[in-house]
Amino acid sequence: MRSYEMVTIFQADLEEHESAVGEIEGVVRNLGGEIVKSSSWGKRRFAYPIQKQTEGFYAVLTFTLDPSQVSELERLLKLKTQVLRHLVIALDET
């Protein structure tokens, strides 16, 4: 298992942000991962429009996951219409 951090931007007009973050946490758990930390940054304005939207709701997850499952996680995130953007990075192992 390797440690990762993921920033996800959801649509700003989404009513239930907590449930959307919970769905993403569930996806990580279903792939065999473990959530270490979850935090919400709230609604922020974009520097430029993304899919014709000017604001989004940011959430950050820190989790452990098998490296072979990261591509599947990214594939599943691309299928969710409420996710505008996401970025998964591997954390340094020190």
PDB file of N, CA and C in Angstrom:
ATOM      1  N   MET A   1       0.845  -1.177   0.000  1.00  0.00           N
ATOM      2  CA  MET A   1       0.000   0.000   0.000  1.00  0.00           C
ATOM      3  C   MET A   1       0.893   1.243   0.000  1.00  0.00           C
ATOM      4  N   ARG A   2       0.457   2.236  -0.744  1.00  0.00           N
ATOM      5  CA  ARG A   2       1.207   3.472  -0.856  1.00  0.00           C
ATOM      6  C   ARG A   2       0.294   4.633  -0.469  1.00  0.00           C
ATOM      7  N   SER A   3       0.879   5.696   0.049  1.00  0.00           N
ATOM      8  CA  SER A   3       0.100   6.867   0.466  1.00  0.00           C
ATOM      9  C   SER A   3      -0.102   7.817  -0.709  1.00  0.00           C
ATOM     10  N   TYR A   4      -1.332   8.331  -0.818  1.00  0.00           N
ATOM     11  CA  TYR A   4      -1.690   9.263  -1.877  1.00  0.00           C
ATOM     12  C   TYR A   4      -2.481  10.424  -1.293  1.00  0.00           C
ATOM     13  N   GLU A   5      -2.468  11.523  -2.030  1.00  0.00           N
ATOM     14  CA  GLU A   5      -3.312  12.661  -1.706  1.00  0.00           C
ATOM     15  C   GLU A   5      -4.067  13.028  -2.973  1.00  0.00           C
ATOM     16  N   MET A   6      -5.354  13.334  -2.830  1.00  0.00           N
ATOM     17  CA  MET A   6      -6.177  13.644  -3.988  1.00  0.00           C
ATOM     18  C   MET A   6      -6.988  14.908  -3.725  1.00  0.00           C
ATOM     19  N   VAL A   7      -6.918  15.845  -4.662  1.00  0.00           N
ATOM     20  CA  VAL A   7      -7.755  17.033  -4.635  1.00  0.00           C
ATOM     21  C   VAL A   7      -8.846  16.826  -5.666  1.00  0.00           C
ATOM     22  N   THR A   8     -10.081  17.008  -5.256  1.00  0.00           N
ATOM     23  CA  THR A   8     -11.232  16.837  -6.137  1.00  0.00           C
ATOM     24  C   THR A   8     -12.032  18.125  -6.143  1.00  0.00           C
ATOM     25  N   ILE A   9     -12.431  18.576  -7.332  1.00  0.00           N
ATOM     26  CA  ILE A   9     -13.268  19.765  -7.467  1.00  0.00           C
ATOM     27  C   ILE A   9     -14.645  19.317  -7.944  1.00  0.00           C
ATOM     28  N   PHE A  10     -15.640  19.600  -7.136  1.00  0.00           N
ATOM     29  CA  PHE A  10     -17.026  19.265  -7.458  1.00  0.00           C
ATOM     30  C   PHE A  10     -17.749  20.496  -7.998  1.00  0.00           C
ATOM     31  N   GLN A  11     -18.871  20.281  -8.653  1.00  0.00           N
ATOM     32  CA  GLN A  11     -19.701  21.385  -9.125  1.00  0.00           C
ATOM     33  C   GLN A  11     -20.168  22.213  -7.934  1.00  0.00           C
ATOM     34  N   ALA A  12     -20.132  23.529  -8.060  1.00  0.00           N
ATOM     35  CA  ALA A  12     -20.488  24.417  -6.950  1.00  0.00           C
ATOM     36  C   ALA A  12     -21.974  24.355  -6.628  1.00  0.00           C
ATOM     37  N   ASP A  13     -22.812  24.093  -7.632  1.00  0.00           N
ATOM     38  CA  ASP A  13     -24.255  24.075  -7.397  1.00  0.00           C
ATOM     39  C   ASP A  13     -24.764  22.747  -6.847  1.00  0.00           C
ATOM     40  N   LEU A  14     -23.862  21.833  -6.558  1.00  0.00           N
ATOM     41  CA  LEU A  14     -24.228  20.539  -5.994  1.00  0.00           C
ATOM     42  C   LEU A  14     -24.746  20.747  -4.565  1.00  0.00           C
ATOM     43  N   GLU A  15     -25.924  20.203  -4.258  1.00  0.00           N
ATOM     44  CA  GLU A  15     -26.557  20.421  -2.948  1.00  0.00           C
ATOM     45  C   GLU A  15     -25.831  19.694  -1.813  1.00  0.00           C
ATOM     46  N   GLU A  16     -25.522  18.431  -2.012  1.00  0.00           N
ATOM     47  CA  GLU A  16     -24.961  17.608  -0.950  1.00  0.00           C
ATOM     48  C   GLU A  16     -23.473  17.340  -1.202  1.00  0.00           C
ATOM     49  N   HIS A  17     -22.622  18.268  -0.798  1.00  0.00           N
ATOM     50  CA  HIS A  17     -21.187  18.092  -0.999  1.00  0.00           C
ATOM     51  C   HIS A  17     -20.629  16.972  -0.123  1.00  0.00           C
ATOM     52  N   GLU A  18     -21.148  16.873   1.102  1.00  0.00           N
ATOM     53  CA  GLU A  18     -20.645  15.847   2.014  1.00  0.00           C
ATOM     54  C   GLU A  18     -20.930  14.442   1.486  1.00  0.00           C
ATOM     55  N   SER A  19     -22.107  14.255   0.892  1.00  0.00           N
ATOM     56  CA  SER A  19     -22.427  12.933   0.357  1.00  0.00           C
ATOM     57  C   SER A  19     -21.588  12.620  -0.879  1.00  0.00           C
ATOM     58  N   ALA A  20     -21.257  13.647  -1.679  1.00  0.00           N
ATOM     59  CA  ALA A  20     -20.399  13.436  -2.848  1.00  0.00           C
ATOM     60  C   ALA A  20     -18.990  13.041  -2.406  1.00  0.00           C
ATOM     61  N   VAL A  21     -18.492  13.685  -1.361  1.00  0.00           N
ATOM     62  CA  VAL A  21     -17.178  13.319  -0.815  1.00  0.00           C
ATOM     63  C   VAL A  21     -17.246  11.909  -0.229  1.00  0.00           C
ATOM     64  N   GLY A  22     -18.349  11.580   0.423  1.00  0.00           N
ATOM     65  CA  GLY A  22     -18.545  10.228   0.961  1.00  0.00           C
ATOM     66  C   GLY A  22     -18.555   9.168  -0.126  1.00  0.00           C
ATOM     67  N   GLU A  23     -19.135   9.495  -1.285  1.00  0.00           N
ATOM     68  CA  GLU A  23     -19.125   8.554  -2.413  1.00  0.00           C
ATOM     69  C   GLU A  23     -17.695   8.274  -2.882  1.00  0.00           C
ATOM     70  N   ILE A  24     -16.880   9.333  -2.959  1.00  0.00           N
ATOM     71  CA  ILE A  24     -15.491   9.170  -3.385  1.00  0.00           C
ATOM     72  C   ILE A  24     -14.725   8.342  -2.357  1.00  0.00           C
ATOM     73  N   GLU A  25     -14.976   8.587  -1.082  1.00  0.00           N
ATOM     74  CA  GLU A  25     -14.348   7.775  -0.033  1.00  0.00           C
ATOM     75  C   GLU A  25     -14.764   6.315  -0.179  1.00  0.00           C
ATOM     76  N   GLY A  26     -16.030   6.074  -0.501  1.00  0.00           N
ATOM     77  CA  GLY A  26     -16.512   4.713  -0.713  1.00  0.00           C
ATOM     78  C   GLY A  26     -15.834   4.037  -1.888  1.00  0.00           C
ATOM     79  N   VAL A  27     -15.561   4.784  -2.944  1.00  0.00           N
ATOM     80  CA  VAL A  27     -14.854   4.228  -4.103  1.00  0.00           C
ATOM     81  C   VAL A  27     -13.456   3.786  -3.698  1.00  0.00           C
ATOM     82  N   VAL A  28     -12.775   4.619  -2.917  1.00  0.00           N
ATOM     83  CA  VAL A  28     -11.423   4.271  -2.458  1.00  0.00           C
ATOM     84  C   VAL A  28     -11.469   3.014  -1.592  1.00  0.00           C
ATOM     85  N   ARG A  29     -12.443   2.941  -0.696  1.00  0.00           N
ATOM     86  CA  ARG A  29     -12.563   1.759   0.175  1.00  0.00           C
ATOM     87  C   ARG A  29     -12.888   0.505  -0.621  1.00  0.00           C
ATOM     88  N   ASN A  30     -13.756   0.627  -1.639  1.00  0.00           N
ATOM     89  CA  ASN A  30     -14.111  -0.532  -2.461  1.00  0.00           C
ATOM     90  C   ASN A  30     -12.926  -1.054  -3.258  1.00  0.00           C
ATOM     91  N   LEU A  31     -11.972  -0.183  -3.546  1.00  0.00           N
ATOM     92  CA  LEU A  31     -10.769  -0.607  -4.268  1.00  0.00           C
ATOM     93  C   LEU A  31      -9.703  -1.168  -3.322  1.00  0.00           C
ATOM     94  N   GLY A  32     -10.029  -1.262  -2.043  1.00  0.00           N
ATOM     95  CA  GLY A  32      -9.100  -1.835  -1.069  1.00  0.00           C
ATOM     96  C   GLY A  32      -8.255  -0.809  -0.346  1.00  0.00           C
ATOM     97  N   GLY A  33      -8.601   0.459  -0.462  1.00  0.00           N
ATOM     98  CA  GLY A  33      -7.836   1.516   0.178  1.00  0.00           C
ATOM     99  C   GLY A  33      -8.370   1.859   1.558  1.00  0.00           C
ATOM    100  N   GLU A  34      -7.640   2.743   2.233  1.00  0.00           N
ATOM    101  CA  GLU A  34      -8.022   3.195   3.575  1.00  0.00           C
ATOM    102  C   GLU A  34      -7.893   4.707   3.623  1.00  0.00           C
ATOM    103  N   ILE A  35      -8.939   5.383   4.078  1.00  0.00           N
ATOM    104  CA  ILE A  35      -8.934   6.844   4.183  1.00  0.00           C
ATOM    105  C   ILE A  35      -8.176   7.236   5.447  1.00  0.00           C
ATOM    106  N   VAL A  36      -7.161   8.083   5.290  1.00  0.00           N
ATOM    107  CA  VAL A  36      -6.381   8.561   6.425  1.00  0.00           C
ATOM    108  C   VAL A  36      -6.943   9.895   6.921  1.00  0.00           C
ATOM    109  N   LYS A  37      -7.251  10.794   5.977  1.00  0.00           N
ATOM    110  CA  LYS A  37      -7.741  12.116   6.345  1.00  0.00           C
ATOM    111  C   LYS A  37      -8.625  12.652   5.225  1.00  0.00           C
ATOM    112  N   SER A  38      -9.683  13.340   5.607  1.00  0.00           N
ATOM    113  CA  SER A  38     -10.584  13.957   4.642  1.00  0.00           C
ATOM    114  C   SER A  38     -10.882  15.376   5.106  1.00  0.00           C
ATOM    115  N   SER A  39     -10.732  16.342   4.205  1.00  0.00           N
ATOM    116  CA  SER A  39     -11.043  17.715   4.578  1.00  0.00           C
ATOM    117  C   SER A  39     -11.679  18.434   3.399  1.00  0.00           C
ATOM    118  N   SER A  40     -12.515  19.405   3.725  1.00  0.00           N
ATOM    119  CA  SER A  40     -13.181  20.208   2.705  1.00  0.00           C
ATOM    120  C   SER A  40     -12.628  21.622   2.735  1.00  0.00           C
ATOM    121  N   TRP A  41     -12.311  22.140   1.582  1.00  0.00           N
ATOM    122  CA  TRP A  41     -11.827  23.517   1.476  1.00  0.00           C
ATOM    123  C   TRP A  41     -12.957  24.482   1.193  1.00  0.00           C
ATOM    124  N   GLY A  42     -14.109  23.962   0.859  1.00  0.00           N
ATOM    125  CA  GLY A  42     -15.255  24.807   0.592  1.00  0.00           C
ATOM    126  C   GLY A  42     -15.310  25.299  -0.847  1.00  0.00           C
ATOM    127  N   LYS A  43     -16.182  26.272  -1.076  1.00  0.00           N
ATOM    128  CA  LYS A  43     -16.395  26.801  -2.413  1.00  0.00           C
ATOM    129  C   LYS A  43     -15.341  27.858  -2.715  1.00  0.00           C
ATOM    130  N   ARG A  44     -14.711  27.743  -3.888  1.00  0.00           N
ATOM    131  CA  ARG A  44     -13.689  28.690  -4.309  1.00  0.00           C
ATOM    132  C   ARG A  44     -13.936  29.118  -5.754  1.00  0.00           C
ATOM    133  N   ARG A  45     -13.469  30.308  -6.070  1.00  0.00           N
ATOM    134  CA  ARG A  45     -13.576  30.841  -7.423  1.00  0.00           C
ATOM    135  C   ARG A  45     -12.387  30.361  -8.247  1.00  0.00           C
ATOM    136  N   PHE A  46     -12.642  29.988  -9.505  1.00  0.00           N
ATOM    137  CA  PHE A  46     -11.584  29.527 -10.405  1.00  0.00           C
ATOM    138  C   PHE A  46     -10.859  30.722 -11.028  1.00  0.00           C
ATOM    139  N   ALA A  47      -9.620  30.495 -11.429  1.00  0.00           N
ATOM    140  CA  ALA A  47      -8.863  31.515 -12.152  1.00  0.00           C
ATOM    141  C   ALA A  47      -9.369  31.632 -13.587  1.00  0.00           C
ATOM    142  N   TYR A  48      -9.923  30.540 -14.098  1.00  0.00           N
ATOM    143  CA  TYR A  48     -10.492  30.521 -15.450  1.00  0.00           C
ATOM    144  C   TYR A  48     -11.652  29.529 -15.442  1.00  0.00           C
ATOM    145  N   PRO A  49     -12.608  29.683 -16.349  1.00  0.00           N
ATOM    146  CA  PRO A  49     -13.771  28.777 -16.353  1.00  0.00           C
ATOM    147  C   PRO A  49     -13.371  27.323 -16.662  1.00  0.00           C
ATOM    148  N   ILE A  50     -13.999  26.411 -15.954  1.00  0.00           N
ATOM    149  CA  ILE A  50     -13.841  24.975 -16.189  1.00  0.00           C
ATOM    150  C   ILE A  50     -15.230  24.444 -16.524  1.00  0.00           C
ATOM    151  N   GLN A  51     -15.378  23.911 -17.708  1.00  0.00           N
ATOM    152  CA  GLN A  51     -16.674  23.415 -18.195  1.00  0.00           C
ATOM    153  C   GLN A  51     -17.770  24.465 -18.007  1.00  0.00           C
ATOM    154  N   LYS A  52     -17.449  25.710 -18.358  1.00  0.00           N
ATOM    155  CA  LYS A  52     -18.349  26.866 -18.308  1.00  0.00           C
ATOM    156  C   LYS A  52     -18.792  27.215 -16.889  1.00  0.00           C
ATOM    157  N   GLN A  53     -18.043  26.797 -15.883  1.00  0.00           N
ATOM    158  CA  GLN A  53     -18.358  27.138 -14.497  1.00  0.00           C
ATOM    159  C   GLN A  53     -17.222  27.977 -13.925  1.00  0.00           C
ATOM    160  N   THR A  54     -17.567  28.895 -13.026  1.00  0.00           N
ATOM    161  CA  THR A  54     -16.562  29.796 -12.461  1.00  0.00           C
ATOM    162  C   THR A  54     -16.242  29.511 -10.997  1.00  0.00           C
ATOM    163  N   GLU A  55     -17.000  28.603 -10.372  1.00  0.00           N
ATOM    164  CA  GLU A  55     -16.763  28.232  -8.978  1.00  0.00           C
ATOM    165  C   GLU A  55     -16.848  26.722  -8.828  1.00  0.00           C
ATOM    166  N   GLY A  56     -16.179  26.226  -7.787  1.00  0.00           N
ATOM    167  CA  GLY A  56     -16.242  24.803  -7.503  1.00  0.00           C
ATOM    168  C   GLY A  56     -16.034  24.538  -6.026  1.00  0.00           C
ATOM    169  N   PHE A  57     -16.420  23.361  -5.589  1.00  0.00           N
ATOM    170  CA  PHE A  57     -16.264  22.941  -4.193  1.00  0.00           C
ATOM    171  C   PHE A  57     -15.061  21.997  -4.119  1.00  0.00           C
ATOM    172  N   TYR A  58     -14.070  22.355  -3.320  1.00  0.00           N
ATOM    173  CA  TYR A  58     -12.831  21.598  -3.223  1.00  0.00           C
ATOM    174  C   TYR A  58     -12.859  20.641  -2.033  1.00  0.00           C
ATOM    175  N   ALA A  59     -12.355  19.433  -2.231  1.00  0.00           N
ATOM    176  CA  ALA A  59     -12.205  18.450  -1.155  1.00  0.00           C
ATOM    177  C   ALA A  59     -10.847  17.772  -1.322  1.00  0.00           C
ATOM    178  N   VAL A  60     -10.183  17.505  -0.196  1.00  0.00           N
ATOM    179  CA  VAL A  60      -8.865  16.865  -0.210  1.00  0.00           C
ATOM    180  C   VAL A  60      -8.947  15.570   0.587  1.00  0.00           C
ATOM    181  N   LEU A  61      -8.482  14.482  -0.005  1.00  0.00           N
ATOM    182  CA  LEU A  61      -8.434  13.178   0.660  1.00  0.00           C
ATOM    183  C   LEU A  61      -6.996  12.699   0.730  1.00  0.00           C
ATOM    184  N   THR A  62      -6.613  12.179   1.876  1.00  0.00           N
ATOM    185  CA  THR A  62      -5.346  11.483   2.021  1.00  0.00           C
ATOM    186  C   THR A  62      -5.703  10.029   2.306  1.00  0.00           C
ATOM    187  N   PHE A  63      -5.111   9.117   1.535  1.00  0.00           N
ATOM    188  CA  PHE A  63      -5.484   7.713   1.652  1.00  0.00           C
ATOM    189  C   PHE A  63      -4.329   6.814   1.258  1.00  0.00           C
ATOM    190  N   THR A  64      -4.452   5.535   1.606  1.00  0.00           N
ATOM    191  CA  THR A  64      -3.502   4.521   1.156  1.00  0.00           C
ATOM    192  C   THR A  64      -4.225   3.609   0.172  1.00  0.00           C
ATOM    193  N   LEU A  65      -3.497   3.192  -0.851  1.00  0.00           N
ATOM    194  CA  LEU A  65      -4.093   2.374  -1.899  1.00  0.00           C
ATOM    195  C   LEU A  65      -2.993   1.610  -2.617  1.00  0.00           C
ATOM    196  N   ASP A  66      -3.328   0.439  -3.119  1.00  0.00           N
ATOM    197  CA  ASP A  66      -2.400  -0.336  -3.928  1.00  0.00           C
ATOM    198  C   ASP A  66      -2.138   0.436  -5.220  1.00  0.00           C
ATOM    199  N   PRO A  67      -0.886   0.622  -5.621  1.00  0.00           N
ATOM    200  CA  PRO A  67      -0.583   1.405  -6.826  1.00  0.00           C
ATOM    201  C   PRO A  67      -1.266   0.899  -8.092  1.00  0.00           C
ATOM    202  N   SER A  68      -1.573  -0.369  -8.165  1.00  0.00           N
ATOM    203  CA  SER A  68      -2.232  -0.897  -9.356  1.00  0.00           C
ATOM    204  C   SER A  68      -3.696  -0.461  -9.449  1.00  0.00           C
ATOM    205  N   GLN A  69      -4.264   0.052  -8.374  1.00  0.00           N
ATOM    206  CA  GLN A  69      -5.670   0.459  -8.343  1.00  0.00           C
ATOM    207  C   GLN A  69      -5.880   1.950  -8.631  1.00  0.00           C
ATOM    208  N   VAL A  70      -4.790   2.707  -8.738  1.00  0.00           N
ATOM    209  CA  VAL A  70      -4.922   4.154  -8.939  1.00  0.00           C
ATOM    210  C   VAL A  70      -5.562   4.469 -10.290  1.00  0.00           C
ATOM    211  N   SER A  71      -5.190   3.760 -11.324  1.00  0.00           N
ATOM    212  CA  SER A  71      -5.781   4.018 -12.644  1.00  0.00           C
ATOM    213  C   SER A  71      -7.277   3.707 -12.641  1.00  0.00           C
ATOM    214  N   GLU A  72      -7.694   2.691 -11.905  1.00  0.00           N
ATOM    215  CA  GLU A  72      -9.121   2.369 -11.794  1.00  0.00           C
ATOM    216  C   GLU A  72      -9.856   3.478 -11.033  1.00  0.00           C
ATOM    217  N   LEU A  73      -9.239   4.013  -9.983  1.00  0.00           N
ATOM    218  CA  LEU A  73      -9.822   5.122  -9.237  1.00  0.00           C
ATOM    219  C   LEU A  73     -10.022   6.322 -10.158  1.00  0.00           C
ATOM    220  N   GLU A  74      -9.026   6.663 -10.939  1.00  0.00           N
ATOM    221  CA  GLU A  74      -9.129   7.798 -11.852  1.00  0.00           C
ATOM    222  C   GLU A  74     -10.195   7.549 -12.922  1.00  0.00           C
ATOM    223  N   ARG A  75     -10.304   6.326 -13.394  1.00  0.00           N
ATOM    224  CA  ARG A  75     -11.331   5.994 -14.384  1.00  0.00           C
ATOM    225  C   ARG A  75     -12.724   6.202 -13.805  1.00  0.00           C
ATOM    226  N   LEU A  76     -12.928   5.751 -12.558  1.00  0.00           N
ATOM    227  CA  LEU A  76     -14.228   5.899 -11.918  1.00  0.00           C
ATOM    228  C   LEU A  76     -14.565   7.364 -11.632  1.00  0.00           C
ATOM    229  N   LEU A  77     -13.555   8.175 -11.312  1.00  0.00           N
ATOM    230  CA  LEU A  77     -13.797   9.596 -11.067  1.00  0.00           C
ATOM    231  C   LEU A  77     -14.199  10.323 -12.346  1.00  0.00           C
ATOM    232  N   LYS A  78     -13.637   9.913 -13.474  1.00  0.00           N
ATOM    233  CA  LYS A  78     -13.995  10.534 -14.752  1.00  0.00           C
ATOM    234  C   LYS A  78     -15.451  10.253 -15.126  1.00  0.00           C
ATOM    235  N   LEU A  79     -16.016   9.161 -14.627  1.00  0.00           N
ATOM    236  CA  LEU A  79     -17.398   8.816 -14.928  1.00  0.00           C
ATOM    237  C   LEU A  79     -18.413   9.620 -14.113  1.00  0.00           C
ATOM    238  N   LYS A  80     -17.987  10.187 -13.003  1.00  0.00           N
ATOM    239  CA  LYS A  80     -18.898  10.949 -12.138  1.00  0.00           C
ATOM    240  C   LYS A  80     -19.084  12.358 -12.698  1.00  0.00           C
ATOM    241  N   THR A  81     -20.326  12.708 -12.999  1.00  0.00           N
ATOM    242  CA  THR A  81     -20.604  13.999 -13.626  1.00  0.00           C
ATOM    243  C   THR A  81     -20.417  15.180 -12.683  1.00  0.00           C
ATOM    244  N   GLN A  82     -20.538  14.960 -11.366  1.00  0.00           N
ATOM    245  CA  GLN A  82     -20.387  16.069 -10.427  1.00  0.00           C
ATOM    246  C   GLN A  82     -18.922  16.445 -10.186  1.00  0.00           C
ATOM    247  N   VAL A  83     -17.978  15.610 -10.629  1.00  0.00           N
ATOM    248  CA  VAL A  83     -16.551  15.898 -10.472  1.00  0.00           C
ATOM    249  C   VAL A  83     -16.076  16.671 -11.698  1.00  0.00           C
ATOM    250  N   LEU A  84     -15.617  17.918 -11.464  1.00  0.00           N
ATOM    251  CA  LEU A  84     -15.089  18.729 -12.561  1.00  0.00           C
ATOM    252  C   LEU A  84     -13.629  18.378 -12.856  1.00  0.00           C
ATOM    253  N   ARG A  85     -12.824  18.282 -11.810  1.00  0.00           N
ATOM    254  CA  ARG A  85     -11.405  17.959 -11.954  1.00  0.00           C
ATOM    255  C   ARG A  85     -10.950  17.155 -10.740  1.00  0.00           C
ATOM    256  N   HIS A  86      -9.884  16.386 -10.926  1.00  0.00           N
ATOM    257  CA  HIS A  86      -9.259  15.682  -9.811  1.00  0.00           C
ATOM    258  C   HIS A  86      -7.778  15.523 -10.101  1.00  0.00           C
ATOM    259  N   LEU A  87      -7.000  15.395  -9.040  1.00  0.00           N
ATOM    260  CA  LEU A  87      -5.568  15.190  -9.168  1.00  0.00           C
ATOM    261  C   LEU A  87      -5.119  14.262  -8.045  1.00  0.00           C
ATOM    262  N   VAL A  88      -4.514  13.150  -8.414  1.00  0.00           N
ATOM    263  CA  VAL A  88      -3.999  12.184  -7.453  1.00  0.00           C
ATOM    264  C   VAL A  88      -2.487  12.236  -7.515  1.00  0.00           C
ATOM    265  N   ILE A  89      -1.847  12.444  -6.347  1.00  0.00           N
ATOM    266  CA  ILE A  89      -0.383  12.441  -6.291  1.00  0.00           C
ATOM    267  C   ILE A  89       0.070  11.462  -5.217  1.00  0.00           C
ATOM    268  N   ALA A  90       1.211  10.835  -5.481  1.00  0.00           N
ATOM    269  CA  ALA A  90       1.808   9.924  -4.490  1.00  0.00           C
ATOM    270  C   ALA A  90       2.611  10.744  -3.502  1.00  0.00           C
ATOM    271  N   LEU A  91       2.450  10.451  -2.225  1.00  0.00           N
ATOM    272  CA  LEU A  91       3.206  11.145  -1.179  1.00  0.00           C
ATOM    273  C   LEU A  91       4.557  10.466  -0.993  1.00  0.00           C
ATOM    274  N   ASP A  92       5.542  11.260  -0.617  1.00  0.00           N
ATOM    275  CA  ASP A  92       6.873  10.703  -0.370  1.00  0.00           C
ATOM    276  C   ASP A  92       6.842   9.759   0.799  1.00  0.00           C
ATOM    277  N   GLU A  93       7.584   8.680   0.676  1.00  0.00           N
ATOM    278  CA  GLU A  93       7.670   7.707   1.764  1.00  0.00           C
ATOM    279  C   GLU A  93       8.969   7.945   2.501  1.00  0.00           C
ATOM    280  N   THR A  94       8.878   8.599   3.666  1.00  0.00           N
ATOM    281  CA  THR A  94      10.069   8.881   4.467  1.00  0.00           C
ATOM    282  C   THR A  94       9.974   8.262   5.816  1.00  0.00           C
TER     283      THR A  94
END
